[in-house]
Amino acid sequence: MHTITEQGQRVLYQVGEHSLEGMGGLTREQRLDLVERVHIKLLGEVDPKLLAGLSRERMMDKIRAALDKVSTEGIPPLTSRAQHRILQEVYDEVNGYGPIQPLIEDHTLTEIMVNGPNQVYVERDGKLFLTDIKFRDDAHVLRITDRIVTPLGRRIDEASPMVDARLPDGSRVNAIIPPLSLVGPCLNIRKFARIPFTSKDLIRFQTVTPPMLALLKACVIGRLNLVISGGTGSGKTTTLNLLSSFIPESERIVTIEDAAELRLEQEHVVRLESRPPNLEGKGEITIRMLVRNALRMRPERIIVGEVRGAEALDMLQAMNTGHDGSLSTAHTNSPRDTLARLETMVLMAGMNLPSRAIREQIASAMHLIIHQQRFSDGSRKITHISEIQGMEGDVIVLQDVFVFRQQGVDKDGKVIGQHVATGLRSKFLPLLESKGIYLSPDIFTPPGGK
């Protein structure tokens, strides 16, 4: 059971029994201290390696025995609810991720943000909520962070104070600790739906409309090159997953990511993941190196999770040399900004190419830019489907096919607006039709149009 309560200007997210109600006068500090002492007692009496092999019932028996042996002098008599919570928290310390374990298990949450030991936020439905969860101190946060990243082959300490990794369920983890963080150890876990969102889900969320989806599906099947742009948390990876699902089963797909987040359902998928340097600064495998290697793997589709540097040049060259139907994402503020950022990223390759040559590469390689945005009410919408129509002088011509027009917000803060066609037929329709893909002219008809 999860509840949300107003506390002045802040919203508090209470996680079921992690509310302090019914704790029999036991304060948060007393509870945290008791959990720590029971945990230490348990580890002192039972070999941690043996603990890991116990069933939940057997482990709970061991924890209950340790609790019985720990002095509760100065602590109010434990109610059955308080005792249950103590046992559960010690279990989470031993077998899970400590105080944030209930958040990990709550599948309605999309992000968990630990800002030091005393502040934990979560995101649900695109909105942030302060939780009632706290850690004991910085060392407690560090221990849980280390437990998360160590099995992933990563390390976090003063010599390596930042880490980016991926949990077995696909959730993305980022951690940064002092001295880089001034508020204590910070931990971000971006969770993903256990079952990827489908076309029907995104239509229900009003992220996209059926006509827009019909165009995007045709473009993917027709092997056009697409870039999904938008800000952090705007839903780019979700949309990329959806578009990837339209790729025919018969095609060989190579995915390239910093932290593997894509969850493709096709059978013939090769997943590549970059690798950071080791403590000696050696052994780094960059996205650019993986893009180059992917070209030697006979890919029919190349999907780059996010283009953020010099790999943009290699990706554009791949698109221009027969590897059509490629998909990627980029952090930008608008479709026009996406073109400017791609140009900047190509310059990061150090090739000293003239701007016109880079723009010609972009104009000939890219077909569509799909821009996504997260709005004030937490909703995520595709706000532009824009096609690249070529060059006019030194400028890339960009034309909107669909846009989202916001008309305001209602009394509950919900965004009011609608997706509309601009009335311009896509320049790439003849290319799609040459491949046997036909779209109804009604898709491109604006509201009130004929």
Protein backbone atom coordinates (compact mmCIF):
# COMPACT_ATOMS: atom_id res chain seq x y z
CA MET A 1 0.00 0.00 0.00
CA HIS A 2 1.43 3.35 -1.03
CA THR A 3 0.01 6.67 0.13
CA ILE A 4 0.65 10.27 -0.83
CA THR A 5 0.09 13.04 1.71
CA GLU A 6 0.49 16.81 1.47
CA GLN A 7 3.00 18.40 3.86
CA GLY A 8 2.93 22.12 3.24
CA GLN A 9 4.46 22.65 -0.20
CA ARG A 10 5.89 19.12 -0.39
CA VAL A 11 4.31 15.81 -1.29
CA LEU A 12 5.32 12.84 0.85
CA TYR A 13 5.28 9.35 -0.63
CA GLN A 14 4.80 6.77 2.11
CA VAL A 15 5.62 3.18 1.31
CA GLY A 16 3.07 0.94 3.02
CA GLU A 17 4.38 -0.14 6.41
CA HIS A 18 7.23 2.32 6.09
CA SER A 19 4.87 4.90 7.58
CA LEU A 20 5.68 5.62 11.23
CA GLU A 21 2.05 5.14 12.25
CA GLY A 22 1.50 2.29 14.65
CA MET A 23 5.17 1.97 15.62
CA GLY A 24 4.37 2.07 19.33
CA GLY A 25 6.33 5.24 20.11
CA LEU A 26 9.51 3.96 18.39
CA THR A 27 11.25 6.92 16.75
CA ARG A 28 12.97 6.72 13.37
CA GLU A 29 16.38 7.09 15.04
CA GLN A 30 15.64 4.29 17.50
CA ARG A 31 14.40 2.04 14.70
CA LEU A 32 17.45 2.66 12.51
CA ASP A 33 19.77 2.03 15.47
CA LEU A 34 17.98 -1.20 16.36
CA VAL A 35 18.09 -2.43 12.74
CA GLU A 36 21.84 -1.79 12.64
CA ARG A 37 22.49 -3.64 15.91
CA VAL A 38 20.39 -6.63 14.86
CA HIS A 39 22.18 -6.71 11.51
CA ILE A 40 25.61 -6.69 13.19
CA LYS A 41 24.49 -9.39 15.66
CA LEU A 42 23.20 -11.56 12.82
CA LEU A 43 26.44 -11.30 10.82
CA GLY A 44 28.42 -12.07 13.96
CA GLU A 45 26.56 -15.32 14.56
CA VAL A 46 25.89 -16.60 11.05
CA ASP A 47 28.37 -16.84 8.19
CA PRO A 48 27.22 -14.36 5.46
CA LYS A 49 27.87 -17.06 2.83
CA LEU A 50 25.47 -19.39 4.63
CA LEU A 51 22.90 -16.62 4.97
CA ALA A 52 22.85 -16.11 1.20
CA GLY A 53 21.73 -19.72 0.71
CA LEU A 54 18.86 -19.65 3.21
CA SER A 55 15.20 -19.47 2.26
CA ARG A 56 13.25 -16.40 3.33
CA GLU A 57 11.58 -18.31 6.17
CA ARG A 58 14.89 -19.65 7.54
CA MET A 59 16.55 -16.25 7.26
CA MET A 60 13.65 -14.60 9.08
CA ASP A 61 14.06 -17.15 11.89
CA LYS A 62 17.75 -16.23 12.17
CA ILE A 63 16.92 -12.50 12.21
CA ARG A 64 14.23 -13.03 14.86
CA ALA A 65 16.73 -14.93 17.03
CA ALA A 66 19.26 -12.09 16.65
CA LEU A 67 16.59 -9.54 17.62
CA ASP A 68 15.78 -11.53 20.77
CA LYS A 69 19.45 -11.34 21.80
CA VAL A 70 19.87 -7.60 21.20
CA SER A 71 19.28 -5.35 24.16
CA THR A 72 16.21 -3.12 23.79
CA GLU A 73 16.92 -1.12 26.94
CA GLY A 74 15.67 2.45 26.55
CA ILE A 75 13.38 1.46 23.65
CA PRO A 76 9.57 1.29 24.04
CA PRO A 77 8.16 -2.27 24.00
CA LEU A 78 7.95 -3.42 20.39
CA THR A 79 4.47 -3.82 18.96
CA SER A 80 3.89 -6.69 16.53
CA ARG A 81 3.91 -4.18 13.68
CA ALA A 82 7.16 -2.59 14.86
CA GLN A 83 8.78 -6.01 15.24
CA HIS A 84 7.64 -7.03 11.75
CA ARG A 85 9.12 -3.88 10.30
CA ILE A 86 12.44 -4.39 12.11
CA LEU A 87 12.64 -7.95 10.79
CA GLN A 88 11.79 -6.83 7.24
CA GLU A 89 14.37 -4.02 7.26
CA VAL A 90 17.12 -6.33 8.49
CA TYR A 91 16.11 -8.84 5.80
CA ASP A 92 16.36 -6.08 3.17
CA GLU A 93 19.80 -5.15 4.52
CA VAL A 94 21.00 -8.73 4.16
CA ASN A 95 19.21 -9.84 1.02
CA GLY A 96 18.24 -6.65 -0.80
CA TYR A 97 19.04 -2.98 -1.19
CA GLY A 98 18.28 -1.79 2.33
CA PRO A 99 15.82 1.09 2.82
CA ILE A 100 15.12 1.46 -0.91
CA GLN A 101 14.14 -2.19 -1.42
CA PRO A 102 10.38 -1.36 -1.22
CA LEU A 103 10.92 1.29 -3.90
CA ILE A 104 12.70 -1.22 -6.13
CA GLU A 105 9.70 -3.55 -5.77
CA ASP A 106 7.13 -0.81 -6.52
CA HIS A 107 6.59 -1.15 -10.25
CA THR A 108 4.57 2.08 -10.45
CA LEU A 109 7.79 4.07 -9.90
CA THR A 110 10.03 5.05 -12.81
CA GLU A 111 12.96 6.58 -10.93
CA ILE A 112 14.50 6.50 -7.46
CA MET A 113 16.73 9.41 -6.41
CA VAL A 114 18.82 9.21 -3.23
CA ASN A 115 20.28 12.62 -2.35
CA GLY A 116 22.45 11.70 0.60
CA PRO A 117 21.19 9.77 3.64
CA ASN A 118 18.26 12.01 4.59
CA GLN A 119 16.45 12.64 1.32
CA VAL A 120 14.98 10.08 -1.06
CA TYR A 121 12.72 11.11 -3.95
CA VAL A 122 10.82 8.98 -6.44
CA GLU A 123 9.16 9.65 -9.77
CA ARG A 124 5.73 8.30 -10.58
CA ASP A 125 3.65 9.26 -13.63
CA GLY A 126 6.26 11.87 -14.49
CA LYS A 127 6.02 13.68 -11.12
CA LEU A 128 8.49 13.78 -8.22
CA PHE A 129 7.54 12.81 -4.66
CA LEU A 130 9.54 13.03 -1.44
CA THR A 131 9.48 9.72 0.46
CA ASP A 132 9.60 9.03 4.19
CA ILE A 133 12.65 6.78 3.73
CA LYS A 134 16.02 7.68 5.24
CA PHE A 135 19.42 6.02 5.61
CA ARG A 136 21.41 6.02 8.84
CA ASP A 137 24.38 7.96 7.47
CA ASP A 138 26.67 8.38 4.45
CA ALA A 139 28.35 5.02 5.15
CA HIS A 140 24.95 3.30 4.93
CA VAL A 141 24.26 4.79 1.49
CA LEU A 142 27.77 3.84 0.36
CA ARG A 143 27.30 0.24 1.49
CA ILE A 144 24.04 -0.14 -0.43
CA THR A 145 25.54 1.55 -3.49
CA ASP A 146 28.51 -0.79 -3.37
CA ARG A 147 26.16 -3.77 -3.10
CA ILE A 148 24.40 -2.61 -6.26
CA VAL A 149 27.45 -1.93 -8.43
CA THR A 150 29.91 -4.63 -7.29
CA PRO A 151 28.02 -7.59 -8.85
CA LEU A 152 27.91 -5.58 -12.09
CA GLY A 153 31.69 -5.52 -12.28
CA ARG A 154 31.90 -1.87 -11.30
CA ARG A 155 33.58 -0.15 -8.37
CA ILE A 156 32.93 3.09 -6.52
CA ASP A 157 35.39 4.69 -4.10
CA GLU A 158 37.51 7.84 -3.80
CA ALA A 159 39.67 6.71 -6.71
CA SER A 160 36.59 6.12 -8.87
CA PRO A 161 33.82 8.34 -7.41
CA MET A 162 31.34 8.01 -10.30
CA VAL A 163 29.74 4.92 -11.77
CA ASP A 164 27.15 4.21 -14.47
CA ALA A 165 25.81 0.66 -14.60
CA ARG A 166 22.80 -1.51 -15.31
CA LEU A 167 20.85 -3.83 -13.00
CA PRO A 168 19.94 -7.34 -14.22
CA ASP A 169 16.33 -6.21 -14.82
CA GLY A 170 17.53 -3.44 -17.17
CA SER A 171 17.24 -0.56 -14.69
CA ARG A 172 19.96 2.04 -15.13
CA VAL A 173 22.07 3.02 -12.12
CA ASN A 174 24.16 6.15 -11.67
CA ALA A 175 26.07 6.91 -8.46
CA ILE A 176 28.35 9.75 -7.43
CA ILE A 177 29.99 10.14 -4.02
CA PRO A 178 32.02 12.76 -2.09
CA PRO A 179 34.19 14.67 -2.69
CA LEU A 180 32.39 15.21 -6.02
CA SER A 181 28.97 15.28 -4.34
CA LEU A 182 28.61 17.87 -1.60
CA VAL A 183 25.37 16.44 -0.15
CA GLY A 184 26.70 12.95 0.48
CA PRO A 185 26.52 9.84 -1.72
CA CYS A 186 23.91 10.20 -4.46
CA LEU A 187 22.24 7.28 -6.18
CA ASN A 188 19.86 7.34 -9.15
CA ILE A 189 18.02 4.26 -10.37
CA ARG A 190 15.96 4.65 -13.54
CA LYS A 191 13.52 1.78 -13.71
CA PHE A 192 11.82 0.42 -16.79
CA ALA A 193 8.48 -1.29 -17.23
CA ARG A 194 8.75 -5.04 -16.71
CA ILE A 195 6.70 -5.49 -19.87
CA PRO A 196 7.65 -2.95 -22.58
CA PHE A 197 4.94 -0.48 -23.53
CA THR A 198 3.00 -1.31 -26.68
CA SER A 199 1.43 0.89 -29.35
CA LYS A 200 -1.89 0.72 -27.50
CA ASP A 201 -0.21 1.92 -24.29
CA LEU A 202 1.34 5.00 -25.92
CA ILE A 203 -1.96 5.85 -27.64
CA ARG A 204 -3.73 5.50 -24.26
CA PHE A 205 -1.11 7.77 -22.64
CA GLN A 206 -1.74 10.25 -25.50
CA THR A 207 1.96 10.17 -26.31
CA VAL A 208 1.10 9.54 -29.94
CA THR A 209 -1.98 9.21 -32.15
CA PRO A 210 -2.91 6.32 -34.48
CA PRO A 211 -2.12 8.32 -37.67
CA MET A 212 1.31 9.30 -36.31
CA LEU A 213 1.97 5.71 -35.32
CA ALA A 214 0.94 4.48 -38.76
CA LEU A 215 3.49 6.83 -40.36
CA LEU A 216 6.28 5.83 -37.96
CA LYS A 217 5.60 2.11 -38.43
CA ALA A 218 5.71 2.54 -42.21
CA CYS A 219 9.00 4.45 -41.95
CA VAL A 220 10.61 1.74 -39.80
CA ILE A 221 9.46 -1.09 -42.06
CA GLY A 222 10.50 1.00 -45.09
CA ARG A 223 14.03 1.32 -43.64
CA LEU A 224 14.17 5.09 -43.22
CA ASN A 225 16.78 6.46 -40.80
CA LEU A 226 15.20 7.95 -37.67
CA VAL A 227 16.47 9.95 -34.68
CA ILE A 228 14.37 10.34 -31.54
CA SER A 229 15.24 13.57 -29.75
CA GLY A 230 14.18 15.11 -26.45
CA GLY A 231 15.26 16.04 -22.95
CA THR A 232 16.07 13.80 -20.00
CA GLY A 233 13.10 11.66 -18.95
CA SER A 234 11.04 12.60 -22.00
CA GLY A 235 10.50 8.95 -22.98
CA LYS A 236 13.01 8.59 -25.81
CA THR A 237 14.06 5.05 -24.86
CA THR A 238 10.43 3.95 -24.54
CA THR A 239 9.67 5.25 -28.02
CA LEU A 240 12.86 3.70 -29.40
CA ASN A 241 11.79 0.34 -27.93
CA LEU A 242 8.39 0.69 -29.57
CA LEU A 243 9.78 1.62 -32.99
CA SER A 244 12.30 -1.22 -32.76
CA SER A 245 9.43 -3.66 -32.31
CA PHE A 246 8.29 -2.84 -35.88
CA ILE A 247 11.52 -4.22 -37.37
CA PRO A 248 10.74 -7.49 -39.19
CA GLU A 249 11.79 -10.70 -37.45
CA SER A 250 13.86 -11.74 -40.46
CA GLU A 251 16.40 -8.92 -40.04
CA ARG A 252 19.66 -9.03 -38.07
CA ILE A 253 19.78 -6.22 -35.48
CA VAL A 254 22.87 -4.90 -33.70
CA THR A 255 22.23 -2.61 -30.71
CA ILE A 256 24.93 -0.37 -29.23
CA GLU A 257 24.44 1.29 -25.82
CA ASP A 258 26.30 2.76 -22.87
CA ALA A 259 24.07 0.81 -20.49
CA ALA A 260 21.90 -1.77 -22.23
CA GLU A 261 18.31 -0.60 -21.77
CA LEU A 262 16.60 -1.69 -24.99
CA ARG A 263 14.36 -4.73 -24.72
CA LEU A 264 13.82 -6.05 -28.21
CA GLU A 265 11.49 -8.98 -28.76
CA GLN A 266 13.06 -10.14 -32.03
CA GLU A 267 15.11 -13.32 -32.02
CA HIS A 268 18.13 -12.22 -34.10
CA VAL A 269 19.56 -9.42 -31.92
CA VAL A 270 23.21 -8.81 -31.04
CA ARG A 271 23.58 -6.50 -28.03
CA LEU A 272 26.79 -4.51 -27.54
CA GLU A 273 27.60 -2.40 -24.47
CA SER A 274 30.44 0.09 -23.99
CA ARG A 275 32.97 -0.31 -21.19
CA PRO A 276 34.54 2.40 -19.02
CA PRO A 277 38.31 2.47 -18.36
CA ASN A 278 39.69 0.50 -15.42
CA LEU A 279 41.47 2.04 -12.43
CA GLU A 280 44.65 2.36 -14.48
CA GLY A 281 42.76 4.29 -17.13
CA LYS A 282 43.00 1.46 -19.66
CA GLY A 283 40.60 -0.89 -21.38
CA GLU A 284 37.91 1.64 -22.33
CA ILE A 285 35.59 0.61 -25.17
CA THR A 286 33.66 3.60 -26.51
CA ILE A 287 30.39 3.80 -28.41
CA ARG A 288 32.36 4.94 -31.45
CA MET A 289 34.52 1.83 -31.36
CA LEU A 290 31.43 -0.35 -31.11
CA VAL A 291 29.75 1.43 -34.05
CA ARG A 292 32.82 0.76 -36.19
CA ASN A 293 32.90 -2.86 -35.09
CA ALA A 294 29.19 -3.28 -35.75
CA LEU A 295 29.74 -2.47 -39.42
CA ARG A 296 31.81 -5.68 -39.68
CA MET A 297 29.06 -7.82 -38.13
CA ARG A 298 26.77 -7.85 -41.19
CA PRO A 299 24.04 -5.76 -39.55
CA GLU A 300 20.75 -5.17 -41.33
CA ARG A 301 19.78 -2.67 -38.64
CA ILE A 302 22.01 -0.66 -36.33
CA ILE A 303 20.38 0.83 -33.23
CA VAL A 304 22.50 3.25 -31.20
CA GLY A 305 20.90 3.84 -27.80
CA GLU A 306 22.13 7.42 -27.65
CA VAL A 307 24.46 9.46 -29.83
CA ARG A 308 26.42 11.87 -27.68
CA GLY A 309 29.87 12.29 -29.23
CA ALA A 310 32.22 11.49 -32.09
CA GLU A 311 30.29 8.30 -32.92
CA ALA A 312 27.81 10.57 -34.75
CA LEU A 313 30.24 10.71 -37.70
CA ASP A 314 30.52 6.93 -37.94
CA MET A 315 26.75 6.53 -37.62
CA LEU A 316 26.10 9.03 -40.42
CA GLN A 317 28.65 7.32 -42.62
CA ALA A 318 27.01 3.96 -41.95
CA MET A 319 23.62 5.39 -42.91
CA ASN A 320 25.14 6.77 -46.11
CA THR A 321 26.82 3.51 -47.09
CA GLY A 322 23.94 1.08 -47.26
CA HIS A 323 23.07 0.54 -43.60
CA ASP A 324 19.64 2.12 -43.89
CA GLY A 325 16.86 1.70 -41.36
CA SER A 326 19.06 2.83 -38.46
CA LEU A 327 17.57 4.20 -35.22
CA SER A 328 19.06 6.34 -32.45
CA THR A 329 18.28 8.96 -29.81
CA ALA A 330 19.82 12.32 -28.93
CA HIS A 331 19.43 14.83 -26.09
CA THR A 332 18.13 18.06 -27.66
CA ASN A 333 15.45 20.72 -27.19
CA SER A 334 13.85 20.71 -30.66
CA PRO A 335 14.17 19.09 -34.10
CA ARG A 336 16.24 22.04 -35.34
CA ASP A 337 18.52 21.75 -32.30
CA THR A 338 18.98 18.06 -33.17
CA LEU A 339 20.56 19.02 -36.50
CA ALA A 340 22.86 21.54 -34.80
CA ARG A 341 23.88 19.03 -32.15
CA LEU A 342 24.60 16.32 -34.71
CA GLU A 343 26.85 18.78 -36.50
CA THR A 344 28.66 19.61 -33.26
CA MET A 345 29.10 15.92 -32.42
CA VAL A 346 30.57 15.20 -35.85
CA LEU A 347 33.12 17.97 -35.23
CA MET A 348 34.07 16.15 -31.99
CA ALA A 349 35.53 13.39 -34.18
CA GLY A 350 38.40 15.78 -34.97
CA MET A 351 38.14 15.41 -38.74
CA ASN A 352 38.08 19.19 -39.33
CA LEU A 353 35.30 18.91 -41.91
CA PRO A 354 33.64 22.06 -43.31
CA SER A 355 30.15 22.76 -41.97
CA ARG A 356 28.53 22.40 -45.38
CA ALA A 357 30.02 18.93 -45.87
CA ILE A 358 28.69 17.84 -42.47
CA ARG A 359 25.23 19.20 -43.21
CA GLU A 360 25.18 17.44 -46.56
CA GLN A 361 26.02 14.19 -44.77
CA ILE A 362 23.18 14.76 -42.28
CA ALA A 363 20.69 15.75 -45.00
CA SER A 364 21.45 12.69 -47.12
CA ALA A 365 21.61 10.22 -44.20
CA MET A 366 18.70 11.26 -41.96
CA HIS A 367 15.05 11.05 -42.93
CA LEU A 368 12.94 11.80 -39.85
CA ILE A 369 13.39 13.45 -36.45
CA ILE A 370 10.87 12.45 -33.79
CA HIS A 371 10.93 14.96 -30.95
CA GLN A 372 9.52 14.08 -27.54
CA GLN A 373 8.85 16.24 -24.49
CA ARG A 374 7.81 15.79 -20.87
CA PHE A 375 5.20 18.36 -19.84
CA SER A 376 4.47 20.02 -16.49
CA ASP A 377 1.77 17.47 -15.61
CA GLY A 378 4.25 14.62 -16.06
CA SER A 379 2.82 13.48 -19.40
CA ARG A 380 5.18 12.61 -22.23
CA LYS A 381 4.21 13.40 -25.80
CA ILE A 382 5.75 13.31 -29.24
CA THR A 383 5.57 17.01 -30.13
CA HIS A 384 7.09 16.89 -33.62
CA ILE A 385 7.55 14.43 -36.43
CA SER A 386 9.78 16.38 -38.78
CA GLU A 387 11.31 15.23 -42.03
CA ILE A 388 14.60 16.36 -43.54
CA GLN A 389 13.95 17.41 -47.13
CA GLY A 390 17.46 18.21 -48.28
CA MET A 391 19.58 21.35 -48.55
CA GLU A 392 18.80 24.90 -49.64
CA GLY A 393 22.10 26.73 -49.85
CA ASP A 394 23.91 25.99 -46.59
CA VAL A 395 20.73 25.27 -44.62
CA ILE A 396 19.09 21.88 -44.02
CA VAL A 397 15.39 22.08 -44.87
CA LEU A 398 13.24 20.68 -42.04
CA GLN A 399 9.50 20.25 -42.45
CA ASP A 400 6.98 19.29 -39.74
CA VAL A 401 4.55 16.52 -40.67
CA PHE A 402 2.86 16.28 -37.25
CA VAL A 403 3.01 18.64 -34.26
CA PHE A 404 1.45 18.83 -30.80
CA ARG A 405 -0.32 22.12 -30.17
CA GLN A 406 -0.75 22.95 -26.51
CA GLN A 407 -3.76 25.12 -25.72
CA GLY A 408 -3.24 25.51 -21.97
CA VAL A 409 -3.78 23.56 -18.74
CA ASP A 410 -6.98 22.69 -16.89
CA LYS A 411 -7.75 23.39 -13.22
CA ASP A 412 -5.94 20.19 -12.21
CA GLY A 413 -2.79 21.21 -14.06
CA LYS A 414 -3.33 18.68 -16.86
CA VAL A 415 -2.03 19.81 -20.23
CA ILE A 416 -4.71 20.55 -22.83
CA GLY A 417 -3.81 20.18 -26.48
CA GLN A 418 -3.91 17.92 -29.49
CA HIS A 419 -1.70 16.30 -32.09
CA VAL A 420 -2.41 17.62 -35.56
CA ALA A 421 -1.17 16.95 -39.07
CA THR A 422 0.29 20.00 -40.79
CA GLY A 423 -1.33 19.00 -44.09
CA LEU A 424 1.99 18.40 -45.87
CA ARG A 425 2.46 14.95 -47.35
CA SER A 426 5.76 13.28 -46.57
CA LYS A 427 8.43 13.60 -49.23
CA PHE A 428 9.32 9.96 -48.65
CA LEU A 429 5.94 8.51 -49.64
CA PRO A 430 7.19 7.54 -53.15
CA LEU A 431 10.15 5.73 -51.52
CA LEU A 432 7.80 3.83 -49.23
CA GLU A 433 5.42 3.03 -52.07
CA SER A 434 8.30 1.66 -54.13
CA LYS A 435 8.72 -0.89 -51.33
CA GLY A 436 5.04 -1.80 -51.33
CA ILE A 437 4.12 0.33 -48.28
CA TYR A 438 1.06 2.52 -48.82
CA LEU A 439 -0.36 5.09 -46.41
CA SER A 440 -3.84 6.58 -46.57
CA PRO A 441 -3.88 10.27 -47.63
CA ASP A 442 -6.22 10.88 -44.67
CA ILE A 443 -3.24 10.48 -42.31
CA PHE A 444 -1.85 13.82 -43.49
CA THR A 445 -5.18 15.72 -43.44
CA PRO A 446 -5.18 18.55 -40.86
CA PRO A 447 -8.20 19.15 -38.57
CA GLY A 448 -11.03 20.57 -40.63
CA GLY A 449 -9.13 19.88 -43.85
CA LYS A 450 -10.37 18.08 -46.92
